[in-house]
Amino acid sequence: MFGTDDLPGLAPGLLVDDEYGWIPATRLVDGTRLPELLDAAKHRWQASPHAAAALAWKSYTYWLALPGVLGWASARRVPLLNASDVMVHFDDHRPLLTLGLRRSTTVAVLPTDPLALSGLPEVRVVADEAELLRVLRASMLDGHLAPLLDAIQDQVRLGARTLLGSLASGVAYGVLRAADVLPGRTLQNIGALLTALEVDDLIELVPGPTGELTVQRKTCCLAFTLPEPKVCSGCCIRPS
C-alpha cells in the first residue's frame, strides 16, 4: 500500500521468522519489560515520564493497529493482534520500536473469502463484517491495548482518554495514508473502525487547506511538553 514492505515501525514483510532479539508483547502487557520501553522513549525525546509514556503509547498503537485496520479496510482480512502473537523490539534507534507478527498469527476472514476454503489452521472464518470488526477489537483492544493501558497507568498517571485519543488518531491516519489505494469510502471505513473500538468521539475528520481530509484530535499526546516543543498537526492545542 505504501510502495514498500519496509516501513520503519514494522518488521520487513511484517512477519518475524527469527525471534532472536524480539520479545512477545505479553512482556509489555504484563509490565515485565514495559519500563524499558518507557525509558527508551524518555531518552529518545528527553521527555518527562508522563510525556514519554504518552508518546511511547502513541507510537506503539499506530504501528500495532496498522496491519489490522488496513487488512480490514483493503481486503476484509484481519490479522488478530493478540499480544502473544505480536513481537516487539526497541533496540533499533531509528524508530522508537519495531513490531512484527508471528507466522502462526491467525487471520480472520469472511465466508466469501477464498482463504475460507483453504483449510489452513491460521485462518479463522467469521460470520459477517460485524463479527470481523468484533474480533479485530477483541484481539487488538480488549485483549492487548486495554491491559497495556492499565500497565502504563501503573507506572505514570495518565488519563485513559488521553491515551485512547492517540489510538483513534492512529487508526484514522493509517487509513488516510492509504486512501489512494484502498477500495471503498475512506470516511465510512474510518467511522466503522472507530465506532467498533468505541473511540469515535475522540477525533473529527475535517477538511484540510486543499480540501483533503485531516484528523482533528480532541486530546493531546503531550509532545508540546518536550524540551523542543512540538504541536502536532490536528492537535487540540493551538499554537499562540
Protein backbone atom coordinates (compact mmCIF):
# COMPACT_ATOMS: atom_id res chain seq x y z
CA MET A 1 0.00 0.00 0.00
CA PHE A 2 2.88 2.37 0.72
CA GLY A 3 5.04 1.12 -2.16
CA THR A 4 7.35 -0.89 0.11
CA ASP A 5 7.27 -3.73 2.60
CA ASP A 6 9.93 -2.00 4.70
CA LEU A 7 8.19 0.53 6.96
CA PRO A 8 10.18 1.99 9.87
CA GLY A 9 7.94 0.66 12.65
CA LEU A 10 7.14 -2.78 11.21
CA ALA A 11 9.30 -5.82 10.56
CA PRO A 12 10.17 -6.14 6.83
CA GLY A 13 7.36 -8.16 5.29
CA LEU A 14 5.52 -7.86 8.64
CA LEU A 15 6.36 -11.42 9.76
CA VAL A 16 9.12 -12.33 12.22
CA ASP A 17 10.75 -15.66 11.40
CA ASP A 18 13.83 -15.34 13.62
CA GLU A 19 12.64 -14.24 17.05
CA TYR A 20 16.13 -13.65 18.47
CA GLY A 21 16.20 -10.14 19.93
CA TRP A 22 12.41 -9.82 19.86
CA ILE A 23 10.02 -10.11 22.79
CA PRO A 24 6.33 -11.03 22.71
CA ALA A 25 4.05 -8.12 23.51
CA THR A 26 2.82 -10.07 26.51
CA ARG A 27 6.02 -8.95 28.26
CA LEU A 28 4.90 -5.33 27.87
CA VAL A 29 1.28 -6.01 28.77
CA ASP A 30 2.24 -7.81 32.00
CA GLY A 31 4.60 -4.94 32.89
CA THR A 32 7.79 -7.01 32.84
CA ARG A 33 9.53 -5.12 30.04
CA LEU A 34 7.38 -2.01 29.97
CA PRO A 35 9.85 0.12 31.99
CA GLU A 36 12.48 -0.46 29.28
CA LEU A 37 10.15 0.84 26.59
CA LEU A 38 9.20 3.88 28.65
CA ASP A 39 12.86 4.56 29.41
CA ALA A 40 13.73 4.32 25.71
CA ALA A 41 11.05 6.92 24.97
CA LYS A 42 12.30 9.14 27.77
CA HIS A 43 15.84 9.14 26.39
CA ARG A 44 14.77 9.46 22.75
CA TRP A 45 12.75 12.62 23.35
CA GLN A 46 14.35 13.86 26.61
CA ALA A 47 10.81 13.72 27.90
CA SER A 48 9.21 13.73 31.32
CA PRO A 49 7.89 10.32 32.45
CA HIS A 50 4.32 11.31 31.54
CA ALA A 51 5.19 12.60 28.07
CA ALA A 52 7.49 9.62 27.42
CA ALA A 53 4.69 7.20 28.27
CA ALA A 54 2.15 9.09 26.15
CA LEU A 55 4.50 9.19 23.15
CA ALA A 56 5.55 5.56 23.54
CA TRP A 57 1.86 4.58 23.57
CA LYS A 58 1.17 6.77 20.53
CA SER A 59 3.94 5.08 18.55
CA TYR A 60 3.03 1.59 19.72
CA THR A 61 -0.68 1.88 18.97
CA TYR A 62 -0.09 3.30 15.49
CA TRP A 63 2.20 0.51 14.34
CA LEU A 64 0.14 -2.16 16.07
CA ALA A 65 -3.13 -1.01 14.53
CA LEU A 66 -1.81 -0.51 11.00
CA PRO A 67 -1.86 -4.17 9.81
CA GLY A 68 -5.26 -4.78 11.38
CA VAL A 69 -7.09 -1.70 10.16
CA LEU A 70 -5.58 -1.77 6.67
CA GLY A 71 -6.21 -5.51 6.38
CA TRP A 72 -9.84 -4.86 7.24
CA ALA A 73 -10.22 -1.79 5.02
CA SER A 74 -8.45 -3.22 1.96
CA ALA A 75 -9.41 -6.89 1.89
CA ARG A 76 -11.62 -7.67 4.89
CA ARG A 77 -8.76 -9.85 6.15
CA VAL A 78 -7.81 -9.14 9.75
CA PRO A 79 -4.66 -10.45 11.42
CA LEU A 80 -5.65 -10.96 15.04
CA LEU A 81 -3.33 -8.76 17.07
CA ASN A 82 -3.18 -10.85 20.22
CA ALA A 83 -0.30 -9.88 22.48
CA SER A 84 1.12 -13.41 22.31
CA ASP A 85 1.45 -13.19 18.50
CA VAL A 86 2.88 -9.66 18.31
CA MET A 87 6.66 -9.39 18.53
CA VAL A 88 8.44 -6.20 19.59
CA HIS A 89 11.94 -4.84 19.81
CA PHE A 90 13.15 -1.40 20.76
CA ASP A 91 16.89 -1.74 20.24
CA ASP A 92 16.84 -0.16 16.77
CA HIS A 93 17.05 3.56 17.45
CA ARG A 94 15.75 4.77 14.08
CA PRO A 95 12.13 4.37 15.20
CA LEU A 96 11.32 4.07 18.88
CA LEU A 97 10.19 0.48 18.37
CA THR A 98 9.52 -2.12 15.71
CA LEU A 99 6.60 -4.54 15.67
CA GLY A 100 6.04 -7.74 13.74
CA LEU A 101 3.78 -10.77 13.75
CA ARG A 102 4.50 -14.43 14.28
CA ARG A 103 3.95 -16.52 11.15
CA SER A 104 1.35 -18.52 13.08
CA THR A 105 -0.82 -15.43 13.66
CA THR A 106 -4.48 -16.11 12.97
CA VAL A 107 -6.13 -14.19 10.14
CA ALA A 108 -9.90 -13.70 10.33
CA VAL A 109 -11.80 -13.70 7.03
CA LEU A 110 -15.36 -13.68 5.72
CA PRO A 111 -17.07 -16.83 4.39
CA THR A 112 -16.82 -15.42 0.83
CA ASP A 113 -13.02 -15.04 1.03
CA PRO A 114 -11.06 -17.67 -0.96
CA LEU A 115 -8.96 -18.23 2.17
CA ALA A 116 -12.10 -19.53 3.90
CA LEU A 117 -11.82 -22.72 1.84
CA SER A 118 -8.07 -23.13 2.29
CA GLY A 119 -8.22 -25.32 5.38
CA LEU A 120 -5.18 -23.50 6.79
CA PRO A 121 -5.00 -23.62 10.60
CA GLU A 122 -4.12 -19.91 10.69
CA VAL A 123 -7.40 -18.92 9.02
CA ARG A 124 -10.50 -18.22 11.11
CA VAL A 125 -13.80 -17.78 9.28
CA VAL A 126 -16.27 -15.37 10.90
CA ALA A 127 -19.94 -14.93 10.15
CA ASP A 128 -20.08 -11.42 8.71
CA GLU A 129 -18.48 -7.97 8.62
CA ALA A 130 -19.82 -7.04 12.05
CA GLU A 131 -18.16 -10.11 13.54
CA LEU A 132 -14.93 -9.27 11.70
CA LEU A 133 -14.83 -5.89 13.43
CA ARG A 134 -15.64 -7.55 16.75
CA VAL A 135 -12.70 -9.95 16.52
CA LEU A 136 -10.41 -7.09 15.49
CA ARG A 137 -11.48 -5.16 18.57
CA ALA A 138 -11.25 -8.20 20.86
CA SER A 139 -7.68 -9.01 19.85
CA MET A 140 -6.26 -5.51 19.42
CA LEU A 141 -8.07 -3.51 22.11
CA ASP A 142 -9.75 -5.72 24.71
CA GLY A 143 -7.02 -8.34 24.99
CA HIS A 144 -3.95 -6.24 24.16
CA LEU A 145 -4.14 -2.46 24.36
CA ALA A 146 -6.58 -2.21 27.29
CA PRO A 147 -4.33 -4.22 29.65
CA LEU A 148 -1.28 -2.37 28.28
CA LEU A 149 -3.01 0.92 29.11
CA ASP A 150 -3.59 -0.37 32.65
CA ALA A 151 0.09 -1.32 32.91
CA ILE A 152 1.15 2.15 31.77
CA GLN A 153 -1.18 3.74 34.32
CA ASP A 154 0.54 1.66 36.99
CA GLN A 155 3.78 3.46 36.03
CA VAL A 156 2.57 7.03 35.46
CA ARG A 157 -0.63 8.97 35.98
CA LEU A 158 -2.19 9.43 32.54
CA GLY A 159 -5.86 9.53 31.72
CA ALA A 160 -7.33 6.78 29.56
CA ARG A 161 -9.00 9.39 27.34
CA THR A 162 -5.62 10.98 26.58
CA LEU A 163 -4.16 7.64 25.56
CA LEU A 164 -7.17 6.41 23.61
CA GLY A 165 -7.16 9.66 21.65
CA SER A 166 -3.83 8.59 20.19
CA LEU A 167 -5.31 5.23 19.23
CA ALA A 168 -8.20 6.97 17.46
CA SER A 169 -5.92 9.32 15.57
CA GLY A 170 -3.53 6.50 14.66
CA VAL A 171 -6.34 4.42 13.16
CA ALA A 172 -7.60 7.40 11.16
CA TYR A 173 -4.12 8.40 9.96
CA GLY A 174 -3.39 4.83 8.90
CA VAL A 175 -6.45 4.66 6.67
CA LEU A 176 -5.91 8.18 5.32
CA ARG A 177 -2.30 7.38 4.39
CA ALA A 178 -3.52 4.50 2.22
CA ALA A 179 -6.65 6.19 0.90
CA ASP A 180 -5.38 6.32 -2.68
CA VAL A 181 -5.14 2.53 -2.93
CA LEU A 182 -7.97 1.42 -0.65
CA PRO A 183 -11.27 0.44 -2.21
CA GLY A 184 -14.45 1.88 -0.76
CA ARG A 185 -15.09 5.06 1.14
CA THR A 186 -12.46 6.47 3.44
CA LEU A 187 -14.86 8.30 5.74
CA GLN A 188 -17.05 5.24 6.19
CA ASN A 189 -14.06 2.95 6.73
CA ILE A 190 -12.64 5.19 9.44
CA GLY A 191 -16.05 5.66 11.03
CA ALA A 192 -16.73 1.92 11.18
CA LEU A 193 -13.34 1.19 12.76
CA LEU A 194 -13.54 3.96 15.35
CA THR A 195 -17.10 3.02 16.27
CA ALA A 196 -16.12 -0.63 16.73
CA LEU A 197 -13.28 0.47 19.03
CA GLU A 198 -15.55 2.97 20.84
CA VAL A 199 -13.15 5.86 20.28
CA ASP A 200 -15.17 7.69 17.63
CA ASP A 201 -15.74 10.66 19.95
CA LEU A 202 -12.02 11.41 20.31
CA ILE A 203 -11.29 12.81 16.84
CA GLU A 204 -13.03 14.56 13.98
CA LEU A 205 -12.25 14.39 10.28
CA VAL A 206 -12.17 17.90 8.85
CA PRO A 207 -11.16 19.44 5.51
CA GLY A 208 -7.52 20.45 5.23
CA PRO A 209 -6.13 23.51 3.42
CA THR A 210 -6.70 21.95 -0.01
CA GLY A 211 -9.88 20.07 0.86
CA GLU A 212 -8.26 16.78 1.80
CA LEU A 213 -9.45 15.01 4.94
CA THR A 214 -7.35 15.68 8.04
CA VAL A 215 -7.55 14.49 11.63
CA GLN A 216 -8.57 16.91 14.37
CA ARG A 217 -7.80 15.47 17.79
CA LYS A 218 -9.73 16.20 20.97
CA THR A 219 -6.89 15.06 23.23
CA CYS A 220 -3.14 15.74 23.28
CA CYS A 221 -0.16 13.36 23.11
CA LEU A 222 1.90 15.78 25.30
CA ALA A 223 4.53 16.42 22.62
CA PHE A 224 4.17 20.12 23.40
CA THR A 225 5.87 19.46 26.77
CA LEU A 226 9.15 18.29 25.20
CA PRO A 227 12.33 20.38 25.58
CA GLU A 228 11.82 21.22 21.90
CA PRO A 229 8.03 21.57 21.97
CA LYS A 230 6.05 20.12 19.10
CA VAL A 231 2.42 20.83 18.33
CA CYS A 232 1.30 18.02 16.06
CA SER A 233 -0.92 18.53 13.04
CA GLY A 234 -4.50 18.28 14.24
CA CYS A 235 -3.61 18.79 17.91
CA CYS A 236 -6.29 20.15 20.18
CA ILE A 237 -3.73 22.70 21.44
CA ARG A 238 -3.47 25.69 19.16
CA PRO A 239 -0.12 27.49 18.88
CA SER A 240 -0.31 31.08 20.06
